[in-house]
PDB file of all heavy atoms in Angstrom:
ATOM      1  N   LYS A   1       4.621 -12.940   1.490  1.00  0.00           N
ATOM      2  CA  LYS A   1       4.178 -12.467   2.678  1.00  0.00           C
ATOM      3  C   LYS A   1       5.339 -12.214   3.655  1.00  0.00           C
ATOM      4  O   LYS A   1       5.367 -11.131   4.354  1.00  0.00           O
ATOM      5  CB  LYS A   1       3.110 -13.399   3.394  1.00  0.00           C
ATOM      6  CG  LYS A   1       1.970 -13.530   2.513  1.00  0.00           C
ATOM      7  CD  LYS A   1       1.023 -14.783   3.058  1.00  0.00           C
ATOM      8  CE  LYS A   1      -0.148 -14.916   2.091  1.00  0.00           C
ATOM      9  NZ  LYS A   1      -1.004 -16.062   2.523  1.00  0.00           N
ATOM     10  N   MET A   2       6.224 -13.174   3.665  1.00  0.00           N
ATOM     11  CA  MET A   2       7.427 -13.016   4.648  1.00  0.00           C
ATOM     12  C   MET A   2       8.364 -11.940   4.147  1.00  0.00           C
ATOM     13  O   MET A   2       8.881 -11.169   4.970  1.00  0.00           O
ATOM     14  CB  MET A   2       8.225 -14.386   4.672  1.00  0.00           C
ATOM     15  CG  MET A   2       9.133 -14.459   5.873  1.00  0.00           C
ATOM     16  SD  MET A   2       8.301 -14.530   7.519  1.00  0.00           S
ATOM     17  CE  MET A   2       9.019 -13.158   8.249  1.00  0.00           C
ATOM     18  N   GLN A   3       8.501 -11.896   2.826  1.00  0.00           N
ATOM     19  CA  GLN A   3       9.327 -10.755   2.355  1.00  0.00           C
ATOM     20  C   GLN A   3       8.752  -9.351   2.626  1.00  0.00           C
ATOM     21  O   GLN A   3       9.467  -8.375   2.857  1.00  0.00           O
ATOM     22  CB  GLN A   3       9.532 -10.973   0.688  1.00  0.00           C
ATOM     23  CG  GLN A   3      10.519  -9.934   0.152  1.00  0.00           C
ATOM     24  CD  GLN A   3      10.821 -10.346  -1.288  1.00  0.00           C
ATOM     25  OE1 GLN A   3       9.958 -10.833  -1.956  1.00  0.00           O
ATOM     26  NE2 GLN A   3      12.090 -10.132  -1.693  1.00  0.00           N
ATOM     27  N   ALA A   4       7.380  -9.276   2.588  1.00  0.00           N
ATOM     28  CA  ALA A   4       6.646  -8.132   2.759  1.00  0.00           C
ATOM     29  C   ALA A   4       6.999  -7.640   4.246  1.00  0.00           C
ATOM     30  O   ALA A   4       7.120  -6.420   4.496  1.00  0.00           O
ATOM     31  CB  ALA A   4       5.238  -8.140   2.497  1.00  0.00           C
ATOM     32  N   VAL A   5       6.914  -8.572   5.154  1.00  0.00           N
ATOM     33  CA  VAL A   5       7.140  -8.295   6.612  1.00  0.00           C
ATOM     34  C   VAL A   5       8.505  -7.716   6.721  1.00  0.00           C
ATOM     35  O   VAL A   5       8.751  -6.585   7.398  1.00  0.00           O
ATOM     36  CB  VAL A   5       7.100  -9.536   7.467  1.00  0.00           C
ATOM     37  CG1 VAL A   5       7.562  -9.194   8.820  1.00  0.00           C
ATOM     38  CG2 VAL A   5       5.626 -10.094   7.425  1.00  0.00           C
ATOM     39  N   GLN A   6       9.557  -8.266   6.039  1.00  0.00           N
ATOM     40  CA  GLN A   6      10.890  -7.738   6.237  1.00  0.00           C
ATOM     41  C   GLN A   6      11.080  -6.334   5.640  1.00  0.00           C
ATOM     42  O   GLN A   6      11.959  -5.566   5.952  1.00  0.00           O
ATOM     43  CB  GLN A   6      11.878  -8.754   5.553  1.00  0.00           C
ATOM     44  CG  GLN A   6      11.896 -10.114   6.286  1.00  0.00           C
ATOM     45  CD  GLN A   6      12.839 -11.114   5.558  1.00  0.00           C
ATOM     46  OE1 GLN A   6      13.285 -10.894   4.420  1.00  0.00           O
ATOM     47  NE2 GLN A   6      12.907 -12.292   6.072  1.00  0.00           N
ATOM     48  N   GLN A   7      10.288  -6.004   4.548  1.00  0.00           N
ATOM     49  CA  GLN A   7      10.447  -4.731   3.966  1.00  0.00           C
ATOM     50  C   GLN A   7       9.523  -3.682   4.516  1.00  0.00           C
ATOM     51  O   GLN A   7       9.575  -2.526   4.164  1.00  0.00           O
ATOM     52  CB  GLN A   7      10.064  -4.882   2.479  1.00  0.00           C
ATOM     53  CG  GLN A   7      11.075  -5.833   1.683  1.00  0.00           C
ATOM     54  CD  GLN A   7      10.585  -6.065   0.221  1.00  0.00           C
ATOM     55  OE1 GLN A   7       9.436  -5.702  -0.124  1.00  0.00           O
ATOM     56  NE2 GLN A   7      11.620  -6.512  -0.593  1.00  0.00           N
ATOM     57  N   LEU A   8       8.588  -3.967   5.440  1.00  0.00           N
ATOM     58  CA  LEU A   8       7.624  -3.019   6.096  1.00  0.00           C
ATOM     59  C   LEU A   8       8.381  -1.933   6.904  1.00  0.00           C
ATOM     60  O   LEU A   8       8.866  -2.460   8.043  1.00  0.00           O
ATOM     61  CB  LEU A   8       6.626  -3.817   6.791  1.00  0.00           C
ATOM     62  CG  LEU A   8       5.177  -3.079   6.840  1.00  0.00           C
ATOM     63  CD1 LEU A   8       4.636  -2.799   5.498  1.00  0.00           C
ATOM     64  CD2 LEU A   8       4.220  -3.991   7.674  1.00  0.00           C
ATOM     65  N   THR A   9       8.473  -0.849   6.561  1.00  0.00           N
ATOM     66  CA  THR A   9       9.157   0.190   7.373  1.00  0.00           C
ATOM     67  C   THR A   9       8.656   1.619   7.080  1.00  0.00           C
ATOM     68  O   THR A   9       8.038   1.804   6.038  1.00  0.00           O
ATOM     69  CB  THR A   9      10.668   0.220   7.019  1.00  0.00           C
ATOM     70  OG1 THR A   9      11.303   1.194   7.875  1.00  0.00           O
ATOM     71  CG2 THR A   9      10.973   0.444   5.704  1.00  0.00           C
ATOM     72  N   ASP A  10       8.784   2.510   8.055  1.00  0.00           N
ATOM     73  CA  ASP A  10       8.373   3.871   8.047  1.00  0.00           C
ATOM     74  C   ASP A  10       9.395   4.728   7.459  1.00  0.00           C
ATOM     75  O   ASP A  10       9.320   5.930   7.205  1.00  0.00           O
ATOM     76  CB  ASP A  10       7.836   4.355   9.281  1.00  0.00           C
ATOM     77  CG  ASP A  10       8.968   4.533  10.485  1.00  0.00           C
ATOM     78  OD1 ASP A  10       9.935   3.771  10.242  1.00  0.00           O
ATOM     79  OD2 ASP A  10       8.780   5.251  11.408  1.00  0.00           O
ATOM     80  N   LYS A  11      10.648   4.124   7.197  1.00  0.00           N
ATOM     81  CA  LYS A  11      11.762   4.971   6.888  1.00  0.00           C
ATOM     82  C   LYS A  11      11.558   5.340   5.277  1.00  0.00           C
ATOM     83  O   LYS A  11      11.386   4.467   4.438  1.00  0.00           O
ATOM     84  CB  LYS A  11      13.069   4.215   6.929  1.00  0.00           C
ATOM     85  CG  LYS A  11      13.362   3.964   8.400  1.00  0.00           C
ATOM     86  CD  LYS A  11      14.786   3.183   8.532  1.00  0.00           C
ATOM     87  CE  LYS A  11      15.171   2.958  10.073  1.00  0.00           C
ATOM     88  NZ  LYS A  11      16.397   2.145  10.197  1.00  0.00           N
ATOM     89  N   GLN A  12      11.609   6.685   5.109  1.00  0.00           N
ATOM     90  CA  GLN A  12      11.271   7.188   3.745  1.00  0.00           C
ATOM     91  C   GLN A  12      10.081   6.650   3.119  1.00  0.00           C
ATOM     92  O   GLN A  12      10.002   6.369   1.880  1.00  0.00           O
ATOM     93  CB  GLN A  12      12.535   6.834   2.782  1.00  0.00           C
ATOM     94  CG  GLN A  12      13.809   7.554   3.327  1.00  0.00           C
ATOM     95  CD  GLN A  12      15.068   7.309   2.433  1.00  0.00           C
ATOM     96  OE1 GLN A  12      15.115   6.222   1.752  1.00  0.00           O
ATOM     97  NE2 GLN A  12      15.904   8.156   2.461  1.00  0.00           N
ATOM     98  N   TYR A  13       8.987   6.360   3.864  1.00  0.00           N
ATOM     99  CA  TYR A  13       7.772   5.867   3.392  1.00  0.00           C
ATOM    100  C   TYR A  13       7.017   6.788   2.499  1.00  0.00           C
ATOM    101  O   TYR A  13       6.909   8.012   2.900  1.00  0.00           O
ATOM    102  CB  TYR A  13       6.878   5.451   4.586  1.00  0.00           C
ATOM    103  CG  TYR A  13       5.475   5.056   4.105  1.00  0.00           C
ATOM    104  CD1 TYR A  13       5.269   3.916   3.277  1.00  0.00           C
ATOM    105  CD2 TYR A  13       4.346   5.716   4.483  1.00  0.00           C
ATOM    106  CE1 TYR A  13       4.057   3.502   2.829  1.00  0.00           C
ATOM    107  CE2 TYR A  13       3.085   5.292   4.230  1.00  0.00           C
ATOM    108  CZ  TYR A  13       2.984   4.278   3.301  1.00  0.00           C
ATOM    109  OH  TYR A  13       1.689   3.875   2.913  1.00  0.00           O
ATOM    110  N   HIS A  14       6.635   6.441   1.398  1.00  0.00           N
ATOM    111  CA  HIS A  14       5.914   7.193   0.495  1.00  0.00           C
ATOM    112  C   HIS A  14       4.853   6.404  -0.202  1.00  0.00           C
ATOM    113  O   HIS A  14       5.127   5.412  -0.928  1.00  0.00           O
ATOM    114  CB  HIS A  14       6.891   7.760  -0.656  1.00  0.00           C
ATOM    115  CG  HIS A  14       6.115   8.681  -1.646  1.00  0.00           C
ATOM    116  ND1 HIS A  14       5.827   9.974  -1.270  1.00  0.00           N
ATOM    117  CD2 HIS A  14       5.644   8.560  -2.937  1.00  0.00           C
ATOM    118  CE1 HIS A  14       5.163  10.557  -2.332  1.00  0.00           C
ATOM    119  NE2 HIS A  14       5.109   9.709  -3.324  1.00  0.00           N
ATOM    120  N   ALA A  15       3.577   6.679   0.180  1.00  0.00           N
ATOM    121  CA  ALA A  15       2.357   6.007  -0.296  1.00  0.00           C
ATOM    122  C   ALA A  15       2.209   6.228  -1.794  1.00  0.00           C
ATOM    123  O   ALA A  15       2.288   7.306  -2.328  1.00  0.00           O
ATOM    124  CB  ALA A  15       1.202   6.410   0.469  1.00  0.00           C
ATOM    125  N   GLN A  16       1.877   5.136  -2.435  1.00  0.00           N
ATOM    126  CA  GLN A  16       1.475   5.221  -3.942  1.00  0.00           C
ATOM    127  C   GLN A  16       0.064   5.685  -4.080  1.00  0.00           C
ATOM    128  O   GLN A  16      -0.755   5.483  -3.071  1.00  0.00           O
ATOM    129  CB  GLN A  16       1.639   3.794  -4.536  1.00  0.00           C
ATOM    130  CG  GLN A  16       3.174   3.377  -4.636  1.00  0.00           C
ATOM    131  CD  GLN A  16       3.261   2.245  -5.480  1.00  0.00           C
ATOM    132  OE1 GLN A  16       3.021   2.390  -6.720  1.00  0.00           O
ATOM    133  NE2 GLN A  16       3.659   1.048  -4.977  1.00  0.00           N
ATOM    134  N   PRO A  17      -0.298   6.283  -5.180  1.00  0.00           N
ATOM    135  CA  PRO A  17      -1.648   6.608  -5.363  1.00  0.00           C
ATOM    136  C   PRO A  17      -2.699   5.471  -5.253  1.00  0.00           C
ATOM    137  O   PRO A  17      -2.402   4.345  -5.552  1.00  0.00           O
ATOM    138  CB  PRO A  17      -1.777   7.292  -6.817  1.00  0.00           C
ATOM    139  CG  PRO A  17      -0.248   7.547  -7.095  1.00  0.00           C
ATOM    140  CD  PRO A  17       0.632   6.607  -6.236  1.00  0.00           C
ATOM    141  N   LEU A  18      -3.884   5.808  -4.864  1.00  0.00           N
ATOM    142  CA  LEU A  18      -4.856   4.849  -4.709  1.00  0.00           C
ATOM    143  C   LEU A  18      -5.643   4.523  -6.198  1.00  0.00           C
ATOM    144  O   LEU A  18      -5.659   5.369  -7.070  1.00  0.00           O
ATOM    145  CB  LEU A  18      -6.000   5.341  -3.833  1.00  0.00           C
ATOM    146  CG  LEU A  18      -5.595   5.712  -2.459  1.00  0.00           C
ATOM    147  CD1 LEU A  18      -6.469   6.741  -1.845  1.00  0.00           C
ATOM    148  CD2 LEU A  18      -5.213   4.628  -1.628  1.00  0.00           C
ATOM    149  N   ARG A  19      -5.981   3.263  -6.259  1.00  0.00           N
ATOM    150  CA  ARG A  19      -6.765   2.972  -7.606  1.00  0.00           C
ATOM    151  C   ARG A  19      -8.290   3.129  -7.335  1.00  0.00           C
ATOM    152  O   ARG A  19      -8.842   2.433  -6.480  1.00  0.00           O
ATOM    153  CB  ARG A  19      -6.556   1.540  -7.963  1.00  0.00           C
ATOM    154  CG  ARG A  19      -7.181   1.102  -9.230  1.00  0.00           C
ATOM    155  CD  ARG A  19      -6.592  -0.253  -9.730  1.00  0.00           C
ATOM    156  NE  ARG A  19      -7.040  -1.413  -8.984  1.00  0.00           N
ATOM    157  CZ  ARG A  19      -8.143  -2.108  -9.219  1.00  0.00           C
ATOM    158  NH1 ARG A  19      -8.852  -1.779 -10.299  1.00  0.00           N
ATOM    159  NH2 ARG A  19      -8.397  -3.194  -8.418  1.00  0.00           N
ATOM    160  N   ARG A  20      -8.874   4.131  -8.063  1.00  0.00           N
ATOM    161  CA  ARG A  20     -10.215   4.486  -7.776  1.00  0.00           C
ATOM    162  C   ARG A  20     -11.093   3.659  -8.775  1.00  0.00           C
ATOM    163  O   ARG A  20     -10.964   3.526  -9.858  1.00  0.00           O
ATOM    164  CB  ARG A  20     -10.489   5.950  -8.141  1.00  0.00           C
ATOM    165  CG  ARG A  20     -11.815   6.418  -8.103  1.00  0.00           C
ATOM    166  CD  ARG A  20     -12.482   6.310  -6.745  1.00  0.00           C
ATOM    167  NE  ARG A  20     -11.809   7.112  -5.792  1.00  0.00           N
ATOM    168  CZ  ARG A  20     -12.195   8.381  -5.447  1.00  0.00           C
ATOM    169  NH1 ARG A  20     -13.135   9.024  -6.201  1.00  0.00           N
ATOM    170  NH2 ARG A  20     -11.570   8.982  -4.443  1.00  0.00           N
ATOM    171  N   ILE A  21     -12.224   2.975  -8.085  1.00  0.00           N
ATOM    172  CA  ILE A  21     -13.287   2.331  -8.794  1.00  0.00           C
ATOM    173  C   ILE A  21     -14.604   2.836  -8.262  1.00  0.00           C
ATOM    174  O   ILE A  21     -14.700   3.419  -7.162  1.00  0.00           O
ATOM    175  CB  ILE A  21     -13.160   0.813  -8.593  1.00  0.00           C
ATOM    176  CG1 ILE A  21     -13.275   0.368  -7.236  1.00  0.00           C
ATOM    177  CG2 ILE A  21     -11.947   0.269  -9.318  1.00  0.00           C
ATOM    178  CD1 ILE A  21     -13.364  -1.071  -7.047  1.00  0.00           C
ATOM    179  N   TYR A  22     -15.675   2.617  -8.983  1.00  0.00           N
ATOM    180  CA  TYR A  22     -16.983   3.048  -8.501  1.00  0.00           C
ATOM    181  C   TYR A  22     -17.918   1.856  -8.377  1.00  0.00           C
ATOM    182  O   TYR A  22     -17.996   1.117  -9.462  1.00  0.00           O
ATOM    183  CB  TYR A  22     -17.482   4.210  -9.334  1.00  0.00           C
ATOM    184  CG  TYR A  22     -16.855   5.461  -9.237  1.00  0.00           C
ATOM    185  CD1 TYR A  22     -15.654   5.720  -9.986  1.00  0.00           C
ATOM    186  CD2 TYR A  22     -17.247   6.433  -8.406  1.00  0.00           C
ATOM    187  CE1 TYR A  22     -14.983   7.028  -9.898  1.00  0.00           C
ATOM    188  CE2 TYR A  22     -16.515   7.597  -8.251  1.00  0.00           C
ATOM    189  CZ  TYR A  22     -15.478   7.890  -9.024  1.00  0.00           C
ATOM    190  OH  TYR A  22     -14.611   9.003  -8.975  1.00  0.00           O
ATOM    191  N   ILE A  23     -18.550   1.666  -7.341  1.00  0.00           N
ATOM    192  CA  ILE A  23     -19.535   0.507  -7.142  1.00  0.00           C
ATOM    193  C   ILE A  23     -20.952   1.085  -6.995  1.00  0.00           C
ATOM    194  O   ILE A  23     -21.099   2.126  -6.224  1.00  0.00           O
ATOM    195  CB  ILE A  23     -19.091  -0.430  -6.032  1.00  0.00           C
ATOM    196  CG1 ILE A  23     -19.107   0.362  -4.749  1.00  0.00           C
ATOM    197  CG2 ILE A  23     -17.766  -1.009  -6.305  1.00  0.00           C
ATOM    198  CD1 ILE A  23     -18.876  -0.535  -3.490  1.00  0.00           C
ATOM    199  N   PRO A  24     -21.918   0.362  -7.412  1.00  0.00           N
ATOM    200  CA  PRO A  24     -23.394   0.854  -7.172  1.00  0.00           C
ATOM    201  C   PRO A  24     -23.613   0.877  -5.767  1.00  0.00           C
ATOM    202  O   PRO A  24     -23.293   0.094  -4.877  1.00  0.00           O
ATOM    203  CB  PRO A  24     -24.181  -0.178  -7.955  1.00  0.00           C
ATOM    204  CG  PRO A  24     -23.213  -0.894  -8.913  1.00  0.00           C
ATOM    205  CD  PRO A  24     -21.922  -0.861  -8.214  1.00  0.00           C
ATOM    206  N   LYS A  25     -24.562   1.969  -5.378  1.00  0.00           N
ATOM    207  CA  LYS A  25     -25.079   1.990  -3.990  1.00  0.00           C
ATOM    208  C   LYS A  25     -26.524   1.274  -3.969  1.00  0.00           C
ATOM    209  O   LYS A  25     -27.261   1.569  -4.955  1.00  0.00           O
ATOM    210  CB  LYS A  25     -25.324   3.417  -3.516  1.00  0.00           C
ATOM    211  CG  LYS A  25     -24.018   4.188  -3.344  1.00  0.00           C
ATOM    212  CD  LYS A  25     -24.461   5.620  -2.812  1.00  0.00           C
ATOM    213  CE  LYS A  25     -23.135   6.373  -2.418  1.00  0.00           C
ATOM    214  NZ  LYS A  25     -23.456   7.753  -1.879  1.00  0.00           N
TER     215      LYS A  25
END
């Protein structure tokens, strides 16, 4: 968690694809 805080930045930010699942309604 602490390492994630230190790495969290908007510089050259590129989101990874989402993992799609389907749940019953």
